[in-house]
PDB file of N, CA and C in Angstrom:
ATOM      1  N   MET A   1      -7.562  85.853 -23.317  1.00  0.00           N
ATOM      2  CA  MET A   1      -5.905  86.259 -23.059  1.00  0.00           C
ATOM      3  C   MET A   1      -5.412  85.060 -22.545  1.00  0.00           C
ATOM      4  N   ALA A   2      -4.035  84.438 -22.695  1.00  0.00           N
ATOM      5  CA  ALA A   2      -3.592  82.973 -21.834  1.00  0.00           C
ATOM      6  C   ALA A   2      -3.095  83.617 -20.637  1.00  0.00           C
ATOM      7  N   LYS A   3      -3.241  83.038 -19.659  1.00  0.00           N
ATOM      8  CA  LYS A   3      -1.953  83.458 -18.201  1.00  0.00           C
ATOM      9  C   LYS A   3      -0.756  83.136 -19.116  1.00  0.00           C
ATOM     10  N   THR A   4       0.349  83.438 -18.561  1.00  0.00           N
ATOM     11  CA  THR A   4       1.487  83.315 -19.102  1.00  0.00           C
ATOM     12  C   THR A   4       1.979  83.108 -17.337  1.00  0.00           C
ATOM     13  N   ALA A   5       2.851  82.043 -16.963  1.00  0.00           N
ATOM     14  CA  ALA A   5       3.622  81.478 -15.690  1.00  0.00           C
ATOM     15  C   ALA A   5       5.171  82.036 -15.684  1.00  0.00           C
ATOM     16  N   LYS A   6       5.504  82.548 -14.857  1.00  0.00           N
ATOM     17  CA  LYS A   6       7.046  82.573 -14.373  1.00  0.00           C
ATOM     18  C   LYS A   6       7.250  81.729 -13.571  1.00  0.00           C
ATOM     19  N   ASN A   7       8.448  81.349 -13.783  1.00  0.00           N
ATOM     20  CA  ASN A   7       9.518  80.629 -13.147  1.00  0.00           C
ATOM     21  C   ASN A   7      10.246  81.153 -11.862  1.00  0.00           C
ATOM     22  N   PHE A   8      10.289  80.650 -10.699  1.00  0.00           N
ATOM     23  CA  PHE A   8      11.317  81.182  -9.430  1.00  0.00           C
ATOM     24  C   PHE A   8      11.903  80.255  -8.985  1.00  0.00           C
ATOM     25  N   ILE A   9      12.924  80.338  -8.325  1.00  0.00           N
ATOM     26  CA  ILE A   9      13.203  79.226  -7.537  1.00  0.00           C
ATOM     27  C   ILE A   9      13.104  79.723  -5.638  1.00  0.00           C
ATOM     28  N   LEU A  10      12.491  78.669  -5.295  1.00  0.00           N
ATOM     29  CA  LEU A  10      11.864  78.821  -3.685  1.00  0.00           C
ATOM     30  C   LEU A  10      13.006  77.823  -2.918  1.00  0.00           C
ATOM     31  N   ARG A  11      13.694  78.705  -2.143  1.00  0.00           N
ATOM     32  CA  ARG A  11      14.062  77.914  -0.991  1.00  0.00           C
ATOM     33  C   ARG A  11      13.412  77.849   0.457  1.00  0.00           C
ATOM     34  N   ILE A  12      13.146  76.641   1.239  1.00  0.00           N
ATOM     35  CA  ILE A  12      12.539  76.334   2.361  1.00  0.00           C
ATOM     36  C   ILE A  12      12.824  75.367   2.938  1.00  0.00           C
ATOM     37  N   ASP A  13      12.527  75.703   3.992  1.00  0.00           N
ATOM     38  CA  ASP A  13      13.390  74.671   4.848  1.00  0.00           C
ATOM     39  C   ASP A  13      12.734  73.246   4.942  1.00  0.00           C
ATOM     40  N   ALA A  14      13.455  72.103   5.424  1.00  0.00           N
ATOM     41  CA  ALA A  14      12.967  70.657   4.964  1.00  0.00           C
ATOM     42  C   ALA A  14      11.502  70.192   5.416  1.00  0.00           C
ATOM     43  N   ASP A  15      11.623  70.782   6.746  1.00  0.00           N
ATOM     44  CA  ASP A  15      10.282  70.852   7.750  1.00  0.00           C
ATOM     45  C   ASP A  15       8.631  71.239   7.349  1.00  0.00           C
ATOM     46  N   THR A  16       9.241  72.421   6.583  1.00  0.00           N
ATOM     47  CA  THR A  16       7.955  73.532   6.103  1.00  0.00           C
ATOM     48  C   THR A  16       7.756  72.489   4.455  1.00  0.00           C
ATOM     49  N   MET A  17       8.607  71.980   3.743  1.00  0.00           N
ATOM     50  CA  MET A  17       8.671  71.317   2.275  1.00  0.00           C
ATOM     51  C   MET A  17       7.676  70.043   2.719  1.00  0.00           C
ATOM     52  N   ALA A  18       8.057  69.288   3.567  1.00  0.00           N
ATOM     53  CA  ALA A  18       7.709  67.782   4.129  1.00  0.00           C
ATOM     54  C   ALA A  18       5.937  68.342   4.451  1.00  0.00           C
ATOM     55  N   ALA A  19       5.443  69.050   4.916  1.00  0.00           N
ATOM     56  CA  ALA A  19       4.366  69.782   5.572  1.00  0.00           C
ATOM     57  C   ALA A  19       3.048  69.998   4.241  1.00  0.00           C
ATOM     58  N   ILE A  20       4.443  70.916   3.268  1.00  0.00           N
ATOM     59  CA  ILE A  20       3.555  71.172   2.184  1.00  0.00           C
ATOM     60  C   ILE A  20       3.370  70.050   1.032  1.00  0.00           C
ATOM     61  N   GLU A  21       4.267  69.169   1.241  1.00  0.00           N
ATOM     62  CA  GLU A  21       4.137  67.492   0.310  1.00  0.00           C
ATOM     63  C   GLU A  21       2.808  67.085   0.757  1.00  0.00           C
ATOM     64  N   LYS A  22       2.868  66.969   2.249  1.00  0.00           N
ATOM     65  CA  LYS A  22       1.938  65.971   2.946  1.00  0.00           C
ATOM     66  C   LYS A  22       0.360  66.511   2.685  1.00  0.00           C
ATOM     67  N   TRP A  23       0.251  67.838   2.588  1.00  0.00           N
ATOM     68  CA  TRP A  23      -0.913  68.885   2.332  1.00  0.00           C
ATOM     69  C   TRP A  23      -1.373  68.366   0.833  1.00  0.00           C
ATOM     70  N   ALA A  24      -0.103  68.474  -0.142  1.00  0.00           N
ATOM     71  CA  ALA A  24      -0.398  68.318  -1.601  1.00  0.00           C
ATOM     72  C   ALA A  24      -1.330  67.512  -1.415  1.00  0.00           C
ATOM     73  N   SER A  25      -0.331  66.122  -0.978  1.00  0.00           N
ATOM     74  CA  SER A  25      -1.157  64.795  -1.238  1.00  0.00           C
ATOM     75  C   SER A  25      -2.675  64.416  -0.734  1.00  0.00           C
ATOM     76  N   ASP A  26      -2.595  65.389   0.505  1.00  0.00           N
ATOM     77  CA  ASP A  26      -4.139  65.114   1.119  1.00  0.00           C
ATOM     78  C   ASP A  26      -5.217  65.512   0.258  1.00  0.00           C
ATOM     79  N   GLU A  27      -4.839  66.258  -0.351  1.00  0.00           N
ATOM     80  CA  GLU A  27      -5.638  67.575  -1.489  1.00  0.00           C
ATOM     81  C   GLU A  27      -5.486  67.156  -2.736  1.00  0.00           C
ATOM     82  N   PHE A  28      -4.754  65.896  -3.226  1.00  0.00           N
ATOM     83  CA  PHE A  28      -4.877  65.515  -4.215  1.00  0.00           C
ATOM     84  C   PHE A  28      -4.446  66.238  -5.271  1.00  0.00           C
ATOM     85  N   ARG A  29      -3.027  66.740  -4.828  1.00  0.00           N
ATOM     86  CA  ARG A  29      -2.430  68.203  -5.836  1.00  0.00           C
ATOM     87  C   ARG A  29      -1.073  67.856  -5.499  1.00  0.00           C
ATOM     88  N   SER A  30      -0.556  68.493  -7.035  1.00  0.00           N
ATOM     89  CA  SER A  30       0.911  68.009  -6.905  1.00  0.00           C
ATOM     90  C   SER A  30       1.281  69.548  -5.768  1.00  0.00           C
ATOM     91  N   THR A  31       2.925  69.142  -5.778  1.00  0.00           N
ATOM     92  CA  THR A  31       3.577  70.160  -4.581  1.00  0.00           C
ATOM     93  C   THR A  31       3.447  71.820  -4.994  1.00  0.00           C
ATOM     94  N   ASN A  32       3.758  71.799  -6.745  1.00  0.00           N
ATOM     95  CA  ASN A  32       3.731  73.203  -7.146  1.00  0.00           C
ATOM     96  C   ASN A  32       2.155  73.485  -7.322  1.00  0.00           C
ATOM     97  N   GLY A  33       1.261  72.579  -7.483  1.00  0.00           N
ATOM     98  CA  GLY A  33      -0.006  72.997  -7.868  1.00  0.00           C
ATOM     99  C   GLY A  33      -0.568  73.360  -5.994  1.00  0.00           C
ATOM    100  N   GLN A  34      -0.153  72.919  -5.216  1.00  0.00           N
ATOM    101  CA  GLN A  34      -0.569  73.322  -3.589  1.00  0.00           C
ATOM    102  C   GLN A  34       0.299  74.792  -3.433  1.00  0.00           C
ATOM    103  N   LEU A  35       1.256  74.812  -3.679  1.00  0.00           N
ATOM    104  CA  LEU A  35       2.027  76.260  -3.586  1.00  0.00           C
ATOM    105  C   LEU A  35       1.207  77.719  -4.063  1.00  0.00           C
ATOM    106  N   GLN A  36       0.812  76.962  -5.360  1.00  0.00           N
ATOM    107  CA  GLN A  36       0.245  78.146  -6.287  1.00  0.00           C
ATOM    108  C   GLN A  36      -1.239  78.557  -5.171  1.00  0.00           C
ATOM    109  N   TRP A  37      -1.527  77.261  -4.891  1.00  0.00           N
ATOM    110  CA  TRP A  37      -3.037  77.469  -4.189  1.00  0.00           C
ATOM    111  C   TRP A  37      -2.879  78.229  -2.804  1.00  0.00           C
ATOM    112  N   ILE A  38      -1.909  77.745  -1.749  1.00  0.00           N
ATOM    113  CA  ILE A  38      -1.793  78.904  -0.874  1.00  0.00           C
ATOM    114  C   ILE A  38      -1.448  80.116  -1.436  1.00  0.00           C
ATOM    115  N   ILE A  39      -0.657  80.225  -2.397  1.00  0.00           N
ATOM    116  CA  ILE A  39      -0.534  81.972  -2.532  1.00  0.00           C
ATOM    117  C   ILE A  39      -1.422  82.483  -3.106  1.00  0.00           C
ATOM    118  N   THR A  40      -2.030  82.239  -3.922  1.00  0.00           N
ATOM    119  CA  THR A  40      -3.444  82.528  -4.532  1.00  0.00           C
ATOM    120  C   THR A  40      -4.376  82.880  -3.353  1.00  0.00           C
ATOM    121  N   GLU A  41      -4.634  81.964  -2.393  1.00  0.00           N
ATOM    122  CA  GLU A  41      -5.587  82.036  -1.340  1.00  0.00           C
ATOM    123  C   GLU A  41      -5.282  83.478  -0.240  1.00  0.00           C
ATOM    124  N   ALA A  42      -3.694  83.744  -0.304  1.00  0.00           N
ATOM    125  CA  ALA A  42      -3.325  84.302   1.033  1.00  0.00           C
ATOM    126  C   ALA A  42      -3.882  85.679   0.098  1.00  0.00           C
ATOM    127  N   LEU A  43      -3.140  85.993  -1.183  1.00  0.00           N
ATOM    128  CA  LEU A  43      -3.436  87.087  -1.982  1.00  0.00           C
ATOM    129  C   LEU A  43      -4.983  87.145  -2.217  1.00  0.00           C
ATOM    130  N   ARG A  44      -5.822  86.295  -2.413  1.00  0.00           N
ATOM    131  CA  ARG A  44      -6.994  86.871  -2.001  1.00  0.00           C
ATOM    132  C   ARG A  44      -7.700  87.281  -0.683  1.00  0.00           C
ATOM    133  N   ARG A  45      -7.571  86.397   0.721  1.00  0.00           N
ATOM    134  CA  ARG A  45      -7.717  86.889   1.254  1.00  0.00           C
ATOM    135  C   ARG A  45      -7.462  88.240   2.191  1.00  0.00           C
ATOM    136  N   ALA A  46      -5.882  88.614   1.203  1.00  0.00           N
ATOM    137  CA  ALA A  46      -5.526  89.782   2.001  1.00  0.00           C
ATOM    138  C   ALA A  46      -5.760  91.265   0.709  1.00  0.00           C
ATOM    139  N   LYS A  47      -6.921  90.390  -0.530  1.00  0.00           N
ATOM    140  CA  LYS A  47      -7.634  91.757  -1.057  1.00  0.00           C
ATOM    141  C   LYS A  47      -6.482  92.344  -2.234  1.00  0.00           C
ATOM    142  N   ARG A  48      -5.443  91.228  -2.821  1.00  0.00           N
ATOM    143  CA  ARG A  48      -4.014  91.903  -3.265  1.00  0.00           C
ATOM    144  C   ARG A  48      -4.286  91.220  -4.840  1.00  0.00           C
ATOM    145  N   LEU A  49      -5.172  90.517  -5.037  1.00  0.00           N
ATOM    146  CA  LEU A  49      -5.282  90.186  -6.431  1.00  0.00           C
ATOM    147  C   LEU A  49      -5.708  90.932  -7.248  1.00  0.00           C
ATOM    148  N   PRO A  50      -5.236  91.424  -8.832  1.00  0.00           N
ATOM    149  CA  PRO A  50      -5.830  92.423  -9.442  1.00  0.00           C
ATOM    150  C   PRO A  50      -7.307  91.608  -9.753  1.00  0.00           C
ATOM    151  N   ARG A  51      -8.250  92.631 -10.165  1.00  0.00           N
ATOM    152  CA  ARG A  51      -9.529  92.426 -10.307  1.00  0.00           C
ATOM    153  C   ARG A  51      -9.411  91.811 -11.921  1.00  0.00           C
ATOM    154  N   GLN A  52     -10.413  90.696 -11.469  1.00  0.00           N
ATOM    155  CA  GLN A  52     -10.385  90.244 -13.510  1.00  0.00           C
ATOM    156  C   GLN A  52     -11.652  91.083 -14.302  1.00  0.00           C
ATOM    157  N   ARG A  53     -11.184  91.076 -15.446  1.00  0.00           N
ATOM    158  CA  ARG A  53     -12.080  91.762 -16.259  1.00  0.00           C
ATOM    159  C   ARG A  53     -13.129  90.499 -16.712  1.00  0.00           C
ATOM    160  N   SER A  54     -14.208  91.179 -16.805  1.00  0.00           N
ATOM    161  CA  SER A  54     -15.198  90.436 -16.915  1.00  0.00           C
ATOM    162  C   SER A  54     -15.469  90.065 -18.141  1.00  0.00           C
ATOM    163  N   ALA A  55     -16.235  89.074 -18.619  1.00  0.00           N
ATOM    164  CA  ALA A  55     -15.985  88.774 -20.187  1.00  0.00           C
ATOM    165  C   ALA A  55     -17.023  89.219 -20.773  1.00  0.00           C
ATOM    166  N   PRO A  56     -17.058  89.685 -22.103  1.00  0.00           N
ATOM    167  CA  PRO A  56     -18.163  90.315 -22.787  1.00  0.00           C
ATOM    168  C   PRO A  56     -19.280  89.455 -22.845  1.00  0.00           C
ATOM    169  N   PRO A  57     -20.586  89.903 -22.931  1.00  0.00           N
ATOM    170  CA  PRO A  57     -21.438  89.057 -22.730  1.00  0.00           C
ATOM    171  C   PRO A  57     -21.756  88.158 -24.215  1.00  0.00           C
ATOM    172  N   ASP A  58     -22.176  87.028 -24.074  1.00  0.00           N
ATOM    173  CA  ASP A  58     -22.113  86.031 -24.989  1.00  0.00           C
ATOM    174  C   ASP A  58     -23.450  86.565 -26.125  1.00  0.00           C
ATOM    175  N   VAL A  59     -22.966  86.659 -27.420  1.00  0.00           N
ATOM    176  CA  VAL A  59     -24.239  86.959 -28.659  1.00  0.00           C
ATOM    177  C   VAL A  59     -25.645  85.950 -28.337  1.00  0.00           C
ATOM    178  N   THR A  60     -25.479  84.884 -28.025  1.00  0.00           N
ATOM    179  CA  THR A  60     -26.475  84.214 -27.697  1.00  0.00           C
ATOM    180  C   THR A  60     -27.351  84.356 -27.046  1.00  0.00           C
ATOM    181  N   ASP A  61     -27.114  84.881 -25.921  1.00  0.00           N
ATOM    182  CA  ASP A  61     -27.509  85.135 -24.690  1.00  0.00           C
ATOM    183  C   ASP A  61     -28.535  86.720 -25.194  1.00  0.00           C
ATOM    184  N   ALA A  62     -27.854  87.413 -25.677  1.00  0.00           N
ATOM    185  CA  ALA A  62     -29.048  88.406 -26.430  1.00  0.00           C
ATOM    186  C   ALA A  62     -30.255  88.415 -26.769  1.00  0.00           C
ATOM    187  N   ILE A  63     -29.877  87.244 -27.794  1.00  0.00           N
ATOM    188  CA  ILE A  63     -30.766  86.425 -28.673  1.00  0.00           C
ATOM    189  C   ILE A  63     -32.322  85.731 -28.221  1.00  0.00           C
ATOM    190  N   SER A  64     -31.416  84.887 -27.069  1.00  0.00           N
ATOM    191  CA  SER A  64     -32.632  84.720 -26.139  1.00  0.00           C
ATOM    192  C   SER A  64     -33.470  85.276 -25.218  1.00  0.00           C
TER     193      SER A  64
END
């Protein structure tokens, strides 16, 4: 199942945005990618991410 992205508007002060842009550049990410990473990490640390379903075993794994 493919992930779908939702768009939203984020208002952020100029100094914070400059810090995020610098951090993104240091990590070779886009600003959007950096924001996604920050949010995902915060959710992971807070144990707020939904559990991911494990993929069914590969048929070739059962044969070998």
